[in-house]
Amino acid sequence: MATPIRGIFVPHVTPVDKAGRINDVELRRYLEWLIAQGVHGLYPNGSTGEFARFTADERRQVVKIACESAAGRVPVLAGAAEANVSETLKACDAYAEFGARAVAIVSPFYYKLSPSSAYEYFREIARHSPIDVTLYNIPMFATPLDVPTIRRLSQLERIVGIKDSSGDVAFMLRLMSAVRAERPDFVFLSGWEPTLMPLLLMGIDGGTHATAGVAPELTKAIYELTQSGHLAQARTLHFQLVELFDAMLAAGDFPAGFRAGVDLRGFNVGPSPQPLCVVDETARQSIARSIRASLELLN
């Protein structure tokens, strides 16, 4: 029986050293901390991990480290998006061998495709992937996936779920209504912090949020409190989640603010693999205040 894809999966940042190489030791230390905080899964090579700024070999290195760090304690949902079907399937093969539970594949980027072409893209991957596939809908960076296309894709056995980062609650509700009647086991994950609690109340399975890499205690608590019906406390924490999320978004080009947040939690993540604006001291102080406020609410 496959491990359920449920709860809070962390799309974590990727530490690098001064030479721009992946910092293996610090990445393992960071992942161990996330697991110790009780997150439900790891999500290497997400947008927060800046997968597009690393080489294919480096992306494989990140997933291998994540799988070794998880060591079966939590499942790994590995970002496997490459520039074409052939390279994506090579990543799927590698991540299946490493022991990932499933892969997350963003819809085609750079070339915006029609819904029919997007369907064919994912259908070809689903036909040949040795590992379960979750769709990743992030319209700000890639071809948007619409409800009819996702419904068609949900009928393919290998495609088991979707992470939606559109931030559109109405879209997710329409999608759940369209898909669940025919595929009740299909997994729905929120990928945009402000939608986490509202969509949990409507029955999604969990979330993959950049903020979970900075304050895993907070996102985990919102998930568990909402699931157990402690809604007033969950609501208070959810507003704090949005405040922290907004502080990190405003700090600089994504995901610079989130890297700064992880740094403030005691990890040396280094600079982005691509030169970005520096998060100034005022922004860092704003993030630090929001982190402290979040943790105080949990005590």
C-alpha atoms as a PDB file:
ATOM      1  CA  MET A   1       0.000   0.000   0.000  1.00  0.00           C
ATOM      2  CA  ALA A   2       1.534   3.324  -1.086  1.00  0.00           C
ATOM      3  CA  THR A   3       2.177   5.934   1.598  1.00  0.00           C
ATOM      4  CA  PRO A   4      -0.608   8.550   1.487  1.00  0.00           C
ATOM      5  CA  ILE A   5       0.289  11.990   0.169  1.00  0.00           C
ATOM      6  CA  ARG A   6      -1.320  13.955   2.962  1.00  0.00           C
ATOM      7  CA  GLY A   7      -0.417  16.785   5.312  1.00  0.00           C
ATOM      8  CA  ILE A   8       2.283  19.426   5.053  1.00  0.00           C
ATOM      9  CA  PHE A   9       5.047  18.752   2.527  1.00  0.00           C
ATOM     10  CA  VAL A  10       7.928  21.240   2.642  1.00  0.00           C
ATOM     11  CA  PRO A  11       9.223  22.780  -0.608  1.00  0.00           C
ATOM     12  CA  HIS A  12      12.500  23.658   1.041  1.00  0.00           C
ATOM     13  CA  VAL A  13      15.262  26.037   0.013  1.00  0.00           C
ATOM     14  CA  THR A  14      18.547  24.610  -1.243  1.00  0.00           C
ATOM     15  CA  PRO A  15      21.643  25.687   0.728  1.00  0.00           C
ATOM     16  CA  VAL A  16      24.721  26.513  -1.310  1.00  0.00           C
ATOM     17  CA  ASP A  17      28.308  27.240  -0.317  1.00  0.00           C
ATOM     18  CA  LYS A  18      30.430  30.254  -1.249  1.00  0.00           C
ATOM     19  CA  ALA A  19      31.375  28.658  -4.542  1.00  0.00           C
ATOM     20  CA  GLY A  20      27.719  28.171  -5.482  1.00  0.00           C
ATOM     21  CA  ARG A  21      27.796  24.393  -4.973  1.00  0.00           C
ATOM     22  CA  ILE A  22      25.061  22.578  -3.097  1.00  0.00           C
ATOM     23  CA  ASN A  23      25.983  22.511   0.585  1.00  0.00           C
ATOM     24  CA  ASP A  24      25.407  18.828   1.298  1.00  0.00           C
ATOM     25  CA  VAL A  25      26.120  19.032   5.035  1.00  0.00           C
ATOM     26  CA  GLU A  26      23.881  22.033   5.678  1.00  0.00           C
ATOM     27  CA  LEU A  27      21.077  20.630   3.511  1.00  0.00           C
ATOM     28  CA  ARG A  28      21.082  17.395   5.517  1.00  0.00           C
ATOM     29  CA  ARG A  29      21.108  19.327   8.799  1.00  0.00           C
ATOM     30  CA  TYR A  30      18.201  21.475   7.620  1.00  0.00           C
ATOM     31  CA  LEU A  31      16.136  18.506   6.429  1.00  0.00           C
ATOM     32  CA  GLU A  32      16.739  16.682   9.706  1.00  0.00           C
ATOM     33  CA  TRP A  33      15.394  19.718  11.554  1.00  0.00           C
ATOM     34  CA  LEU A  34      12.288  19.866   9.349  1.00  0.00           C
ATOM     35  CA  ILE A  35      11.556  16.196   9.986  1.00  0.00           C
ATOM     36  CA  ALA A  36      12.100  16.686  13.730  1.00  0.00           C
ATOM     37  CA  GLN A  37       9.516  19.487  13.660  1.00  0.00           C
ATOM     38  CA  GLY A  38       6.954  16.948  12.499  1.00  0.00           C
ATOM     39  CA  VAL A  39       6.339  17.885   8.884  1.00  0.00           C
ATOM     40  CA  HIS A  40       4.524  15.189   6.957  1.00  0.00           C
ATOM     41  CA  GLY A  41       6.793  15.104   3.917  1.00  0.00           C
ATOM     42  CA  LEU A  42       9.649  16.725   2.000  1.00  0.00           C
ATOM     43  CA  TYR A  43       9.391  18.424  -1.375  1.00  0.00           C
ATOM     44  CA  PRO A  44      12.848  18.926  -2.939  1.00  0.00           C
ATOM     45  CA  ASN A  45      13.217  20.790  -6.238  1.00  0.00           C
ATOM     46  CA  GLY A  46      10.154  22.966  -5.823  1.00  0.00           C
ATOM     47  CA  SER A  47       9.990  26.608  -6.853  1.00  0.00           C
ATOM     48  CA  THR A  48      11.293  27.585  -3.399  1.00  0.00           C
ATOM     49  CA  GLY A  49      14.273  25.296  -4.004  1.00  0.00           C
ATOM     50  CA  GLU A  50      14.999  27.184  -7.249  1.00  0.00           C
ATOM     51  CA  PHE A  51      15.165  23.993  -9.280  1.00  0.00           C
ATOM     52  CA  ALA A  52      15.450  25.856 -12.592  1.00  0.00           C
ATOM     53  CA  ARG A  53      18.679  27.505 -11.406  1.00  0.00           C
ATOM     54  CA  PHE A  54      20.531  24.214 -10.946  1.00  0.00           C
ATOM     55  CA  THR A  55      21.832  21.661 -13.410  1.00  0.00           C
ATOM     56  CA  ALA A  56      20.064  18.338 -13.952  1.00  0.00           C
ATOM     57  CA  ASP A  57      22.830  16.591 -11.985  1.00  0.00           C
ATOM     58  CA  GLU A  58      22.428  19.048  -9.126  1.00  0.00           C
ATOM     59  CA  ARG A  59      18.672  18.485  -9.088  1.00  0.00           C
ATOM     60  CA  ARG A  60      19.293  14.755  -8.788  1.00  0.00           C
ATOM     61  CA  GLN A  61      21.761  15.411  -5.964  1.00  0.00           C
ATOM     62  CA  VAL A  62      19.130  17.391  -4.032  1.00  0.00           C
ATOM     63  CA  VAL A  63      16.514  14.642  -4.361  1.00  0.00           C
ATOM     64  CA  LYS A  64      18.991  11.929  -3.425  1.00  0.00           C
ATOM     65  CA  ILE A  65      19.935  13.836  -0.265  1.00  0.00           C
ATOM     66  CA  ALA A  66      16.253  14.359   0.581  1.00  0.00           C
ATOM     67  CA  CYS A  67      15.458  10.664   0.173  1.00  0.00           C
ATOM     68  CA  GLU A  68      18.481   9.651   2.238  1.00  0.00           C
ATOM     69  CA  SER A  69      17.553  12.168   4.932  1.00  0.00           C
ATOM     70  CA  ALA A  70      13.929  11.036   5.027  1.00  0.00           C
ATOM     71  CA  ALA A  71      15.047   7.398   5.312  1.00  0.00           C
ATOM     72  CA  GLY A  72      11.452   6.220   5.158  1.00  0.00           C
ATOM     73  CA  ARG A  73      10.344   8.401   8.085  1.00  0.00           C
ATOM     74  CA  VAL A  74       8.383  10.764   5.824  1.00  0.00           C
ATOM     75  CA  PRO A  75       7.547  10.500   2.119  1.00  0.00           C
ATOM     76  CA  VAL A  76       9.351  12.567  -0.498  1.00  0.00           C
ATOM     77  CA  LEU A  77       7.438  14.349  -3.251  1.00  0.00           C
ATOM     78  CA  ALA A  78      10.223  15.256  -5.657  1.00  0.00           C
ATOM     79  CA  GLY A  79      10.040  18.037  -8.188  1.00  0.00           C
ATOM     80  CA  ALA A  80      10.848  16.421 -11.538  1.00  0.00           C
ATOM     81  CA  ALA A  81      10.131  19.207 -14.009  1.00  0.00           C
ATOM     82  CA  GLU A  82      12.597  19.394 -16.864  1.00  0.00           C
ATOM     83  CA  ALA A  83      12.411  21.217 -20.188  1.00  0.00           C
ATOM     84  CA  ASN A  84      10.927  18.334 -22.175  1.00  0.00           C
ATOM     85  CA  VAL A  85       9.281  14.931 -21.815  1.00  0.00           C
ATOM     86  CA  SER A  86      12.454  12.911 -22.381  1.00  0.00           C
ATOM     87  CA  GLU A  87      14.463  14.684 -19.682  1.00  0.00           C
ATOM     88  CA  THR A  88      11.504  14.677 -17.301  1.00  0.00           C
ATOM     89  CA  LEU A  89      11.193  10.899 -17.652  1.00  0.00           C
ATOM     90  CA  LYS A  90      14.900  10.507 -16.925  1.00  0.00           C
ATOM     91  CA  ALA A  91      14.326  12.445 -13.705  1.00  0.00           C
ATOM     92  CA  CYS A  92      11.318  10.232 -12.889  1.00  0.00           C
ATOM     93  CA  ASP A  93      13.488   7.131 -13.341  1.00  0.00           C
ATOM     94  CA  ALA A  94      16.195   8.514 -11.060  1.00  0.00           C
ATOM     95  CA  TYR A  95      13.822   9.648  -8.326  1.00  0.00           C
ATOM     96  CA  ALA A  96      11.989   6.334  -8.319  1.00  0.00           C
ATOM     97  CA  GLU A  97      15.353   4.624  -7.821  1.00  0.00           C
ATOM     98  CA  PHE A  98      16.202   7.000  -4.947  1.00  0.00           C
ATOM     99  CA  GLY A  99      12.979   6.039  -3.168  1.00  0.00           C
ATOM    100  CA  ALA A 100      10.746   9.080  -3.676  1.00  0.00           C
ATOM    101  CA  ARG A 101       7.041   8.479  -3.064  1.00  0.00           C
ATOM    102  CA  ALA A 102       5.960  10.495  -6.119  1.00  0.00           C
ATOM    103  CA  VAL A 103       7.088  13.291  -8.401  1.00  0.00           C
ATOM    104  CA  ALA A 104       5.606  16.739  -8.940  1.00  0.00           C
ATOM    105  CA  ILE A 105       5.736  18.010 -12.497  1.00  0.00           C
ATOM    106  CA  VAL A 106       5.020  21.594 -13.428  1.00  0.00           C
ATOM    107  CA  SER A 107       3.031  22.215 -16.565  1.00  0.00           C
ATOM    108  CA  PRO A 108       5.163  23.155 -19.588  1.00  0.00           C
ATOM    109  CA  PHE A 109       7.046  26.418 -19.170  1.00  0.00           C
ATOM    110  CA  TYR A 110       8.551  28.914 -21.630  1.00  0.00           C
ATOM    111  CA  TYR A 111       6.257  27.694 -24.447  1.00  0.00           C
ATOM    112  CA  LYS A 112       2.648  28.361 -23.416  1.00  0.00           C
ATOM    113  CA  LEU A 113       0.546  25.435 -24.617  1.00  0.00           C
ATOM    114  CA  SER A 114      -3.114  24.969 -25.423  1.00  0.00           C
ATOM    115  CA  PRO A 115      -5.137  22.767 -23.042  1.00  0.00           C
ATOM    116  CA  SER A 116      -5.018  19.923 -25.589  1.00  0.00           C
ATOM    117  CA  SER A 117      -1.243  20.120 -25.876  1.00  0.00           C
ATOM    118  CA  ALA A 118      -0.824  20.307 -22.096  1.00  0.00           C
ATOM    119  CA  TYR A 119      -2.933  17.156 -21.815  1.00  0.00           C
ATOM    120  CA  GLU A 120      -0.753  15.320 -24.355  1.00  0.00           C
ATOM    121  CA  TYR A 121       2.392  16.420 -22.514  1.00  0.00           C
ATOM    122  CA  PHE A 122       1.271  14.930 -19.221  1.00  0.00           C
ATOM    123  CA  ARG A 123      -0.326  11.888 -20.841  1.00  0.00           C
ATOM    124  CA  GLU A 124       3.005  10.966 -22.423  1.00  0.00           C
ATOM    125  CA  ILE A 125       4.763  11.282 -19.071  1.00  0.00           C
ATOM    126  CA  ALA A 126       2.065   9.247 -17.323  1.00  0.00           C
ATOM    127  CA  ARG A 127       2.380   6.456 -19.889  1.00  0.00           C
ATOM    128  CA  HIS A 128       6.075   5.942 -19.179  1.00  0.00           C
ATOM    129  CA  SER A 129       6.766   7.136 -15.634  1.00  0.00           C
ATOM    130  CA  PRO A 130       7.810   4.413 -13.163  1.00  0.00           C
ATOM    131  CA  ILE A 131       6.589   6.585 -10.268  1.00  0.00           C
ATOM    132  CA  ASP A 132       3.313   8.305  -9.365  1.00  0.00           C
ATOM    133  CA  VAL A 133       2.879  11.813 -10.755  1.00  0.00           C
ATOM    134  CA  THR A 134       1.283  14.873  -9.180  1.00  0.00           C
ATOM    135  CA  LEU A 135       0.482  17.830 -11.399  1.00  0.00           C
ATOM    136  CA  TYR A 136       1.827  21.236 -10.400  1.00  0.00           C
ATOM    137  CA  ASN A 137      -0.318  24.165 -11.509  1.00  0.00           C
ATOM    138  CA  ILE A 138       1.518  27.477 -11.108  1.00  0.00           C
ATOM    139  CA  PRO A 139       0.121  29.931 -13.687  1.00  0.00           C
ATOM    140  CA  MET A 140       2.538  32.714 -12.734  1.00  0.00           C
ATOM    141  CA  PHE A 141       5.448  30.670 -14.098  1.00  0.00           C
ATOM    142  CA  ALA A 142       4.022  28.085 -16.496  1.00  0.00           C
ATOM    143  CA  THR A 143       1.138  27.023 -18.728  1.00  0.00           C
ATOM    144  CA  PRO A 144      -2.075  27.180 -16.684  1.00  0.00           C
ATOM    145  CA  LEU A 145      -4.061  23.977 -16.327  1.00  0.00           C
ATOM    146  CA  ASP A 146      -7.835  24.322 -16.553  1.00  0.00           C
ATOM    147  CA  VAL A 147     -10.518  22.208 -14.898  1.00  0.00           C
ATOM    148  CA  PRO A 148     -11.478  20.112 -17.973  1.00  0.00           C
ATOM    149  CA  THR A 149      -7.830  19.257 -18.687  1.00  0.00           C
ATOM    150  CA  ILE A 150      -7.096  18.251 -15.098  1.00  0.00           C
ATOM    151  CA  ARG A 151     -10.282  16.178 -15.043  1.00  0.00           C
ATOM    152  CA  ARG A 152      -9.109  14.294 -18.142  1.00  0.00           C
ATOM    153  CA  LEU A 153      -5.650  13.802 -16.654  1.00  0.00           C
ATOM    154  CA  SER A 154      -7.112  12.521 -13.378  1.00  0.00           C
ATOM    155  CA  GLN A 155      -8.488   9.555 -15.289  1.00  0.00           C
ATOM    156  CA  LEU A 156      -4.921   8.347 -15.924  1.00  0.00           C
ATOM    157  CA  GLU A 157      -3.927   5.893 -13.203  1.00  0.00           C
ATOM    158  CA  ARG A 158      -0.358   7.123 -12.786  1.00  0.00           C
ATOM    159  CA  ILE A 159      -1.475  10.728 -12.152  1.00  0.00           C
ATOM    160  CA  VAL A 160      -2.518  10.781  -8.499  1.00  0.00           C
ATOM    161  CA  GLY A 161      -2.968  14.422  -7.513  1.00  0.00           C
ATOM    162  CA  ILE A 162      -2.352  18.119  -8.005  1.00  0.00           C
ATOM    163  CA  LYS A 163      -0.616  20.976  -6.222  1.00  0.00           C
ATOM    164  CA  ASP A 164      -2.258  24.276  -7.077  1.00  0.00           C
ATOM    165  CA  SER A 165      -0.366  27.538  -6.580  1.00  0.00           C
ATOM    166  CA  SER A 166      -2.837  29.789  -8.351  1.00  0.00           C
ATOM    167  CA  GLY A 167      -4.249  31.067  -5.061  1.00  0.00           C
ATOM    168  CA  ASP A 168      -7.717  30.737  -6.587  1.00  0.00           C
ATOM    169  CA  VAL A 169     -10.043  29.108  -4.039  1.00  0.00           C
ATOM    170  CA  ALA A 170     -12.998  29.033  -6.445  1.00  0.00           C
ATOM    171  CA  PHE A 171     -10.880  27.219  -9.037  1.00  0.00           C
ATOM    172  CA  MET A 172      -9.922  24.529  -6.530  1.00  0.00           C
ATOM    173  CA  LEU A 173     -13.524  24.059  -5.420  1.00  0.00           C
ATOM    174  CA  ARG A 174     -14.666  23.613  -9.016  1.00  0.00           C
ATOM    175  CA  LEU A 175     -11.788  21.215  -9.601  1.00  0.00           C
ATOM    176  CA  MET A 176     -12.572  19.112  -6.546  1.00  0.00           C
ATOM    177  CA  SER A 177     -16.223  18.934  -7.574  1.00  0.00           C
ATOM    178  CA  ALA A 178     -15.281  17.853 -11.106  1.00  0.00           C
ATOM    179  CA  VAL A 179     -12.696  15.242 -10.149  1.00  0.00           C
ATOM    180  CA  ARG A 180     -13.662  13.604  -6.885  1.00  0.00           C
ATOM    181  CA  ALA A 181     -16.893  12.053  -8.097  1.00  0.00           C
ATOM    182  CA  GLU A 182     -14.872   9.979 -10.579  1.00  0.00           C
ATOM    183  CA  ARG A 183     -11.558   9.740  -8.684  1.00  0.00           C
ATOM    184  CA  PRO A 184     -12.161   9.919  -4.915  1.00  0.00           C
ATOM    185  CA  ASP A 185      -8.516   9.080  -4.140  1.00  0.00           C
ATOM    186  CA  PHE A 186      -7.135  12.011  -6.158  1.00  0.00           C
ATOM    187  CA  VAL A 187      -4.929  14.218  -3.950  1.00  0.00           C
ATOM    188  CA  PHE A 188      -5.462  17.980  -3.702  1.00  0.00           C
ATOM    189  CA  LEU A 189      -2.708  20.155  -2.218  1.00  0.00           C
ATOM    190  CA  SER A 190      -2.700  23.902  -1.656  1.00  0.00           C
ATOM    191  CA  GLY A 191       0.436  25.661  -2.844  1.00  0.00           C
ATOM    192  CA  TRP A 192      -0.451  29.215  -1.790  1.00  0.00           C
ATOM    193  CA  GLU A 193      -0.420  30.072   1.900  1.00  0.00           C
ATOM    194  CA  PRO A 194      -3.574  32.221   2.166  1.00  0.00           C
ATOM    195  CA  THR A 195      -5.655  29.345   0.777  1.00  0.00           C
ATOM    196  CA  LEU A 196      -4.450  26.665   3.215  1.00  0.00           C
ATOM    197  CA  MET A 197      -7.086  26.761   5.951  1.00  0.00           C
ATOM    198  CA  PRO A 198     -10.025  27.712   3.689  1.00  0.00           C
ATOM    199  CA  LEU A 199      -9.284  24.760   1.432  1.00  0.00           C
ATOM    200  CA  LEU A 200      -8.621  22.383   4.336  1.00  0.00           C
ATOM    201  CA  LEU A 201     -12.127  23.210   5.543  1.00  0.00           C
ATOM    202  CA  MET A 202     -13.399  22.171   2.117  1.00  0.00           C
ATOM    203  CA  GLY A 203     -11.568  18.858   2.190  1.00  0.00           C
ATOM    204  CA  ILE A 204      -8.172  19.160   0.520  1.00  0.00           C
ATOM    205  CA  ASP A 205      -5.466  16.735   1.621  1.00  0.00           C
ATOM    206  CA  GLY A 206      -2.746  19.163   2.669  1.00  0.00           C
ATOM    207  CA  GLY A 207      -0.354  21.784   1.459  1.00  0.00           C
ATOM    208  CA  THR A 208       3.102  22.457   0.087  1.00  0.00           C
ATOM    209  CA  HIS A 209       4.108  25.905   1.271  1.00  0.00           C
ATOM    210  CA  ALA A 210       7.382  27.820   1.186  1.00  0.00           C
ATOM    211  CA  THR A 211       6.603  29.172   4.659  1.00  0.00           C
ATOM    212  CA  ALA A 212       6.678  25.599   5.980  1.00  0.00           C
ATOM    213  CA  GLY A 213      10.425  25.652   5.412  1.00  0.00           C
ATOM    214  CA  VAL A 214      10.754  28.646   7.755  1.00  0.00           C
ATOM    215  CA  ALA A 215       8.083  27.902  10.364  1.00  0.00           C
ATOM    216  CA  PRO A 216       7.197  24.218   9.989  1.00  0.00           C
ATOM    217  CA  GLU A 217       5.631  24.280  13.456  1.00  0.00           C
ATOM    218  CA  LEU A 218       3.087  26.840  12.241  1.00  0.00           C
ATOM    219  CA  THR A 219       1.897  25.122   9.073  1.00  0.00           C
ATOM    220  CA  LYS A 220       1.784  21.743  10.793  1.00  0.00           C
ATOM    221  CA  ALA A 221      -0.322  23.183  13.623  1.00  0.00           C
ATOM    222  CA  ILE A 222      -2.792  24.810  11.204  1.00  0.00           C
ATOM    223  CA  TYR A 223      -3.225  21.507   9.393  1.00  0.00           C
ATOM    224  CA  GLU A 224      -3.681  19.437  12.535  1.00  0.00           C
ATOM    225  CA  LEU A 225      -5.944  21.931  14.338  1.00  0.00           C
ATOM    226  CA  THR A 226      -8.183  22.294  11.299  1.00  0.00           C
ATOM    227  CA  GLN A 227      -8.387  18.539  10.834  1.00  0.00           C
ATOM    228  CA  SER A 228      -9.321  18.066  14.504  1.00  0.00           C
ATOM    229  CA  GLY A 229     -11.957  20.800  14.503  1.00  0.00           C
ATOM    230  CA  HIS A 230     -10.121  23.356  16.662  1.00  0.00           C
ATOM    231  CA  LEU A 231     -11.034  26.099  14.242  1.00  0.00           C
ATOM    232  CA  ALA A 232     -10.698  29.230  16.372  1.00  0.00           C
ATOM    233  CA  GLN A 233      -7.066  28.444  17.201  1.00  0.00           C
ATOM    234  CA  ALA A 234      -6.359  27.378  13.626  1.00  0.00           C
ATOM    235  CA  ARG A 235      -7.852  30.643  12.356  1.00  0.00           C
ATOM    236  CA  THR A 236      -5.571  32.723  14.583  1.00  0.00           C
ATOM    237  CA  LEU A 237      -2.531  30.811  13.355  1.00  0.00           C
ATOM    238  CA  HIS A 238      -3.647  31.082   9.746  1.00  0.00           C
ATOM    239  CA  PHE A 239      -3.728  34.879   9.907  1.00  0.00           C
ATOM    240  CA  GLN A 240      -0.197  34.751  11.339  1.00  0.00           C
ATOM    241  CA  LEU A 241       0.846  32.443   8.497  1.00  0.00           C
ATOM    242  CA  VAL A 242      -0.366  35.000   5.970  1.00  0.00           C
ATOM    243  CA  GLU A 243       1.504  37.790   7.785  1.00  0.00           C
ATOM    244  CA  LEU A 244       4.760  35.827   7.740  1.00  0.00           C
ATOM    245  CA  PHE A 245       4.239  34.806   4.117  1.00  0.00           C
ATOM    246  CA  ASP A 246       3.636  38.412   3.074  1.00  0.00           C
ATOM    247  CA  ALA A 247       6.715  39.620   4.963  1.00  0.00           C
ATOM    248  CA  MET A 248       8.942  37.165   3.126  1.00  0.00           C
ATOM    249  CA  LEU A 249       7.351  37.836  -0.261  1.00  0.00           C
ATOM    250  CA  ALA A 250       7.891  41.571   0.193  1.00  0.00           C
ATOM    251  CA  ALA A 251      11.544  41.172   1.205  1.00  0.00           C
ATOM    252  CA  GLY A 252      12.903  40.727  -2.319  1.00  0.00           C
ATOM    253  CA  ASP A 253      12.690  38.698  -5.486  1.00  0.00           C
ATOM    254  CA  PHE A 254      11.256  35.257  -4.732  1.00  0.00           C
ATOM    255  CA  PRO A 255      12.535  33.268  -2.920  1.00  0.00           C
ATOM    256  CA  ALA A 256      15.105  35.617  -1.370  1.00  0.00           C
ATOM    257  CA  GLY A 257      12.861  36.424   1.604  1.00  0.00           C
ATOM    258  CA  PHE A 258      12.301  32.744   2.321  1.00  0.00           C
ATOM    259  CA  ARG A 259      16.031  32.054   2.208  1.00  0.00           C
ATOM    260  CA  ALA A 260      16.443  34.892   4.709  1.00  0.00           C
ATOM    261  CA  GLY A 261      13.760  33.309   6.881  1.00  0.00           C
ATOM    262  CA  VAL A 262      15.548  29.951   6.941  1.00  0.00           C
ATOM    263  CA  ASP A 263      18.789  31.765   7.743  1.00  0.00           C
ATOM    264  CA  LEU A 264      17.053  33.418  10.717  1.00  0.00           C
ATOM    265  CA  ARG A 265      16.112  29.959  12.002  1.00  0.00           C
ATOM    266  CA  GLY A 266      19.807  29.135  12.305  1.00  0.00           C
ATOM    267  CA  PHE A 267      20.832  27.643   8.971  1.00  0.00           C
ATOM    268  CA  ASN A 268      23.552  28.875   6.649  1.00  0.00           C
ATOM    269  CA  VAL A 269      21.741  28.623   3.319  1.00  0.00           C
ATOM    270  CA  GLY A 270      24.090  30.970   1.481  1.00  0.00           C
ATOM    271  CA  PRO A 271      23.089  33.164  -1.468  1.00  0.00           C
ATOM    272  CA  SER A 272      20.696  32.165  -4.215  1.00  0.00           C
ATOM    273  CA  PRO A 273      22.384  30.213  -7.026  1.00  0.00           C
ATOM    274  CA  GLN A 274      21.366  33.139  -9.227  1.00  0.00           C
ATOM    275  CA  PRO A 275      22.371  36.661  -8.145  1.00  0.00           C
ATOM    276  CA  LEU A 276      19.367  38.378  -6.571  1.00  0.00           C
ATOM    277  CA  CYS A 277      18.800  41.606  -4.698  1.00  0.00           C
ATOM    278  CA  VAL A 278      20.060  41.527  -1.125  1.00  0.00           C
ATOM    279  CA  VAL A 279      17.394  41.316   1.580  1.00  0.00           C
ATOM    280  CA  ASP A 280      18.077  44.459   3.591  1.00  0.00           C
ATOM    281  CA  GLU A 281      18.156  44.699   7.363  1.00  0.00           C
ATOM    282  CA  THR A 282      14.714  46.293   7.621  1.00  0.00           C
ATOM    283  CA  ALA A 283      13.147  43.383   5.753  1.00  0.00           C
ATOM    284  CA  ARG A 284      15.063  40.848   7.825  1.00  0.00           C
ATOM    285  CA  GLN A 285      13.807  42.489  11.015  1.00  0.00           C
ATOM    286  CA  SER A 286      10.237  42.344   9.707  1.00  0.00           C
ATOM    287  CA  ILE A 287      10.613  38.637   8.932  1.00  0.00           C
ATOM    288  CA  ALA A 288      12.222  37.985  12.323  1.00  0.00           C
ATOM    289  CA  ARG A 289       9.345  39.738  14.141  1.00  0.00           C
ATOM    290  CA  SER A 290       6.788  37.687  12.243  1.00  0.00           C
ATOM    291  CA  ILE A 291       8.642  34.437  12.972  1.00  0.00           C
ATOM    292  CA  ARG A 292       8.773  35.316  16.692  1.00  0.00           C
ATOM    293  CA  ALA A 293       5.069  36.177  16.713  1.00  0.00           C
ATOM    294  CA  SER A 294       4.242  32.871  15.048  1.00  0.00           C
ATOM    295  CA  LEU A 295       6.261  30.842  17.528  1.00  0.00           C
ATOM    296  CA  GLU A 296       4.823  32.737  20.500  1.00  0.00           C
ATOM    297  CA  LEU A 297       1.302  31.828  19.376  1.00  0.00           C
ATOM    298  CA  LEU A 298       2.317  28.160  19.404  1.00  0.00           C
ATOM    299  CA  ASN A 299       3.577  28.252  23.009  1.00  0.00           C
END
